[in-house]
Amino acid sequence: MGGSAGWARRGAWLIAPLALASMAVGCKGGDVPGAAPPGAEVSSGPSGGAPGGEGPGEEGGKESAAPAPGSPDDPGGSGASDALTCEQLRDADLQTSAFRIPDAPAGAIAFTDGRWEGGGVVVELQPQCAVGQMTGDPAHDAVAAVKVTTGGTGRFYALVTWRNDGGTPVPAAAVSLGDRTPVESVAVSTAPPARATAVHLTRGEADPAAVVTIRRTAVYRVAGPLMVELHRSDTPYHP
């Protein structure tokens, strides 16, 4: 009887450590070896990105996405910072050896604060301007009205497109709107195909040059160095 009791006591001593070890294993919950304990902060790489990731442009393990070209966050398609602005045109080239606008004198013309003067002719950038895709690439170009004042009574208006060359405005296409035909507004379509709409005052063929009797809305596209009129609509104008 005493021998049986002794074996029972020794068995209990062996079972107790085994039970404790089993409880410790159960608390680990099947964790993967090397994983951080619950509540610990996990590092995803030397710069916060996923292991083996690029690193720069990532923070806290979450990649900071760049805007997709052509998206509302990047309307220019080549980076919003590269889109032209109407303000840039105030000191832009208007005429080069390879490009000439209607009614302007020959030779290079570059604006200084929106104005150029030479040989009795004054060329002025007008406030009517719009930015959008006009020349077939994703970058935003600029379209604006220009006035050429000669030594006589002539005040000739033109519509000019500046191509976006890596953020620099380069004169690319133009169309004459006529003599003493002031421009009221310029707009560029926000969806393809690329179109510019100009609203300006003009007159009928039988009307004297000193008056304007028509408000004309004309739509243009760029075709080489020209802005080609696609269609127009006229309404009576009464000053």
Protein backbone atom coordinates (compact mmCIF):
# COMPACT_ATOMS: atom_id res chain seq x y z
CA MET A 1 0.00 0.00 0.00
CA GLY A 2 2.83 2.43 0.97
CA GLY A 3 4.62 1.59 -2.32
CA SER A 4 1.52 2.40 -4.35
CA ALA A 5 1.12 5.78 -2.61
CA GLY A 6 4.76 6.64 -3.33
CA TRP A 7 4.38 5.91 -7.06
CA ALA A 8 1.22 8.06 -7.14
CA ARG A 9 3.05 10.99 -5.55
CA ARG A 10 5.97 10.68 -8.02
CA GLY A 11 3.47 10.53 -10.96
CA ALA A 12 1.78 13.75 -9.83
CA TRP A 13 5.18 15.49 -9.73
CA LEU A 14 5.84 14.47 -13.34
CA ILE A 15 2.37 15.44 -14.61
CA ALA A 16 2.42 18.99 -13.10
CA PRO A 17 5.41 20.30 -15.17
CA LEU A 18 3.96 18.75 -18.32
CA ALA A 19 0.63 20.50 -17.71
CA LEU A 20 2.34 23.85 -17.17
CA ALA A 21 4.35 23.45 -20.40
CA SER A 22 1.16 22.61 -22.30
CA MET A 23 -0.55 25.77 -20.97
CA ALA A 24 2.41 27.95 -22.08
CA VAL A 25 2.26 26.54 -25.62
CA GLY A 26 -1.52 27.14 -25.78
CA CYS A 27 -1.05 30.86 -24.92
CA LYS A 28 1.11 31.38 -28.04
CA GLY A 29 -2.01 30.71 -30.18
CA GLY A 30 -0.05 29.13 -33.04
CA ASP A 31 2.03 32.30 -33.80
CA VAL A 32 4.39 32.07 -36.77
CA PRO A 33 8.01 31.86 -35.61
CA GLY A 34 9.65 35.27 -35.76
CA ALA A 35 6.33 37.23 -35.77
CA ALA A 36 6.00 40.17 -33.41
CA PRO A 37 3.95 39.66 -30.25
CA PRO A 38 0.44 41.16 -30.17
CA GLY A 39 0.47 44.98 -29.86
CA ALA A 40 4.08 45.34 -31.07
CA GLU A 41 4.93 47.89 -33.84
CA VAL A 42 5.95 46.20 -37.10
CA SER A 43 8.66 47.70 -39.26
CA SER A 44 8.08 47.16 -43.01
CA GLY A 45 11.57 47.95 -44.18
CA PRO A 46 14.29 50.52 -43.68
CA SER A 47 12.16 53.43 -44.94
CA GLY A 48 8.73 52.34 -43.84
CA GLY A 49 7.82 50.59 -47.08
CA ALA A 50 7.21 46.90 -47.66
CA PRO A 51 10.29 44.71 -47.47
CA GLY A 52 12.15 44.95 -50.74
CA GLY A 53 10.03 48.01 -51.77
CA GLU A 54 11.25 51.24 -53.26
CA GLY A 55 11.41 53.07 -49.95
CA PRO A 56 11.17 56.73 -51.08
CA GLY A 57 7.57 57.90 -51.46
CA GLU A 58 6.37 55.47 -48.77
CA GLU A 59 5.55 56.29 -45.18
CA GLY A 60 4.48 54.07 -42.36
CA GLY A 61 4.24 51.06 -44.68
CA LYS A 62 1.63 52.80 -46.88
CA GLU A 63 2.54 53.89 -50.39
CA SER A 64 1.69 57.49 -51.31
CA ALA A 65 0.10 57.20 -54.75
CA ALA A 66 0.93 59.76 -57.45
CA PRO A 67 -1.99 61.16 -59.48
CA ALA A 68 -2.70 59.31 -62.70
CA PRO A 69 -1.98 61.30 -65.88
CA GLY A 70 -5.12 63.03 -67.07
CA SER A 71 -6.88 62.61 -63.73
CA PRO A 72 -8.56 65.56 -61.95
CA ASP A 73 -5.49 65.75 -59.68
CA ASP A 74 -3.20 65.98 -62.71
CA PRO A 75 -5.27 67.59 -65.50
CA GLY A 76 -2.21 68.37 -67.55
CA GLY A 77 -1.33 64.71 -67.96
CA SER A 78 2.38 65.50 -67.55
CA GLY A 79 2.25 66.94 -64.08
CA ALA A 80 0.09 69.86 -63.00
CA SER A 81 3.19 71.99 -62.46
CA ASP A 82 3.93 71.73 -66.22
CA ALA A 83 0.56 73.10 -67.34
CA LEU A 84 0.81 76.53 -68.94
CA THR A 85 -0.80 79.53 -67.28
CA CYS A 86 -2.19 82.67 -68.88
CA GLU A 87 0.22 84.72 -66.77
CA GLN A 88 3.18 83.07 -68.51
CA LEU A 89 2.07 84.50 -71.85
CA ARG A 90 2.79 88.03 -70.65
CA ASP A 91 6.50 87.42 -71.19
CA ALA A 92 6.31 84.74 -73.89
CA ASP A 93 7.45 84.72 -77.51
CA LEU A 94 4.67 85.58 -79.93
CA GLN A 95 6.45 85.41 -83.26
CA THR A 96 9.60 83.61 -84.39
CA SER A 97 11.48 83.01 -87.63
CA ALA A 98 9.38 79.87 -88.09
CA PHE A 99 6.00 81.26 -87.04
CA ARG A 100 4.20 84.52 -87.82
CA ILE A 101 0.79 85.71 -86.68
CA PRO A 102 -1.64 87.50 -89.06
CA ASP A 103 -1.29 91.29 -89.44
CA ALA A 104 1.92 91.55 -87.36
CA PRO A 105 5.17 92.90 -88.84
CA ALA A 106 7.86 90.42 -89.86
CA GLY A 107 10.57 89.45 -87.39
CA ALA A 108 10.78 88.11 -83.87
CA ILE A 109 8.25 89.41 -81.35
CA ALA A 110 8.37 88.67 -77.64
CA PHE A 111 6.08 90.19 -75.04
CA THR A 112 7.34 92.18 -72.11
CA ASP A 113 4.57 92.39 -69.57
CA GLY A 114 2.06 91.60 -72.33
CA ARG A 115 3.25 94.25 -74.82
CA TRP A 116 5.61 94.68 -77.78
CA GLU A 117 6.28 97.86 -79.79
CA GLY A 118 8.37 98.48 -82.89
CA GLY A 119 8.26 100.44 -86.14
CA GLY A 120 5.08 102.25 -85.15
CA VAL A 121 3.24 98.97 -84.46
CA VAL A 122 2.01 97.92 -81.01
CA VAL A 123 1.13 94.30 -80.25
CA GLU A 124 -0.74 93.60 -77.01
CA LEU A 125 -1.82 90.43 -75.27
CA GLN A 126 -5.52 90.60 -74.43
CA PRO A 127 -7.00 89.38 -71.13
CA GLN A 128 -9.20 86.77 -72.84
CA CYS A 129 -7.29 83.52 -72.32
CA ALA A 130 -7.89 79.83 -71.59
CA VAL A 131 -5.76 76.75 -70.86
CA GLY A 132 -6.37 73.23 -72.18
CA GLN A 133 -5.21 70.49 -74.51
CA MET A 134 -5.06 71.89 -78.05
CA THR A 135 -2.08 70.37 -79.88
CA GLY A 136 -2.69 66.64 -79.48
CA ASP A 137 -0.44 65.78 -76.54
CA PRO A 138 -1.53 65.42 -72.89
CA ALA A 139 0.07 68.68 -71.74
CA HIS A 140 -2.10 71.76 -71.30
CA ASP A 141 -1.54 74.51 -73.88
CA ALA A 142 -2.78 78.12 -73.81
CA VAL A 143 -5.06 80.07 -76.16
CA ALA A 144 -5.39 83.85 -76.00
CA ALA A 145 -6.45 86.89 -78.00
CA VAL A 146 -3.88 89.34 -79.35
CA LYS A 147 -4.40 92.87 -80.70
CA VAL A 148 -2.16 94.42 -83.35
CA THR A 149 -2.45 98.22 -83.62
CA THR A 150 -0.93 99.76 -86.75
CA GLY A 151 -0.10 103.37 -87.43
CA GLY A 152 -3.53 104.02 -88.93
CA THR A 153 -7.02 103.16 -87.68
CA GLY A 154 -6.49 99.43 -87.87
CA ARG A 155 -6.77 97.35 -84.71
CA PHE A 156 -6.46 93.76 -85.80
CA TYR A 157 -7.37 90.89 -83.50
CA ALA A 158 -6.06 87.33 -83.67
CA LEU A 159 -6.51 84.13 -81.72
CA VAL A 160 -3.20 82.41 -80.89
CA THR A 161 -2.37 78.97 -79.48
CA TRP A 162 0.83 78.49 -77.50
CA ARG A 163 2.09 74.90 -77.37
CA ASN A 164 3.30 73.57 -74.03
CA ASP A 165 6.97 72.68 -74.49
CA GLY A 166 7.93 71.26 -71.09
CA GLY A 167 6.22 74.12 -69.29
CA THR A 168 7.39 76.83 -71.74
CA PRO A 169 4.83 78.51 -74.04
CA VAL A 170 5.81 78.28 -77.72
CA PRO A 171 3.62 80.02 -80.34
CA ALA A 172 2.19 77.32 -82.58
CA ALA A 173 -1.01 78.37 -84.41
CA ALA A 174 -3.10 81.46 -85.08
CA VAL A 175 -6.10 82.84 -86.93
CA SER A 176 -7.10 86.41 -87.76
CA LEU A 177 -10.44 87.59 -86.36
CA GLY A 178 -10.45 90.80 -88.39
CA ASP A 179 -10.16 94.57 -87.95
CA ARG A 180 -11.83 96.22 -84.97
CA THR A 181 -13.41 92.96 -83.79
CA PRO A 182 -12.79 92.95 -80.03
CA VAL A 183 -12.78 89.56 -78.29
CA GLU A 184 -15.17 89.02 -75.38
CA SER A 185 -14.18 85.52 -74.23
CA VAL A 186 -12.02 82.48 -74.99
CA ALA A 187 -12.64 78.93 -73.77
CA VAL A 188 -11.04 75.52 -74.36
CA SER A 189 -13.09 72.31 -74.27
CA THR A 190 -12.42 70.09 -71.24
CA ALA A 191 -13.02 66.86 -73.19
CA PRO A 192 -11.60 65.63 -76.51
CA PRO A 193 -11.52 66.53 -79.29
CA ALA A 194 -9.47 69.66 -78.63
CA ARG A 195 -11.44 72.79 -79.45
CA ALA A 196 -11.21 76.50 -78.67
CA THR A 197 -14.26 78.76 -78.67
CA ALA A 198 -13.91 82.51 -79.14
CA VAL A 199 -16.71 85.05 -78.77
CA HIS A 200 -15.99 88.37 -80.51
CA LEU A 201 -17.81 91.31 -82.01
CA THR A 202 -17.88 91.89 -85.75
CA ARG A 203 -20.11 93.25 -88.50
CA GLY A 204 -21.96 92.28 -91.62
CA GLU A 205 -20.38 92.72 -95.05
CA ALA A 206 -22.54 95.76 -95.79
CA ASP A 207 -21.89 97.44 -92.44
CA PRO A 208 -19.30 100.22 -92.06
CA ALA A 209 -15.98 99.26 -90.46
CA ALA A 210 -16.49 101.71 -87.63
CA VAL A 211 -19.41 99.80 -86.11
CA VAL A 212 -20.01 96.30 -84.76
CA THR A 213 -23.42 94.72 -85.25
CA ILE A 214 -22.82 91.00 -84.67
CA ARG A 215 -21.70 88.90 -81.70
CA ARG A 216 -19.99 85.85 -83.23
CA THR A 217 -19.22 82.57 -81.49
CA ALA A 218 -16.68 80.54 -83.48
CA VAL A 219 -15.08 77.17 -82.72
CA TYR A 220 -11.53 76.37 -83.83
CA ARG A 221 -9.07 73.50 -83.87
CA VAL A 222 -5.32 73.53 -84.43
CA ALA A 223 -4.15 72.28 -87.84
CA GLY A 224 -0.42 72.86 -88.26
CA PRO A 225 0.33 76.59 -87.90
CA LEU A 226 -3.34 77.49 -88.41
CA MET A 227 -6.41 77.58 -86.21
CA VAL A 228 -9.16 76.34 -88.50
CA GLU A 229 -12.74 77.44 -87.97
CA LEU A 230 -15.10 74.47 -87.62
CA HIS A 231 -18.40 76.31 -87.23
CA ARG A 232 -19.86 79.59 -86.06
CA SER A 233 -23.08 81.17 -84.88
CA ASP A 234 -24.05 84.85 -85.00
CA THR A 235 -26.50 86.89 -82.96
CA PRO A 236 -27.38 90.58 -83.37
CA TYR A 237 -25.30 92.97 -81.25
CA HIS A 238 -26.61 96.34 -80.09
CA PRO A 239 -24.07 98.54 -78.28
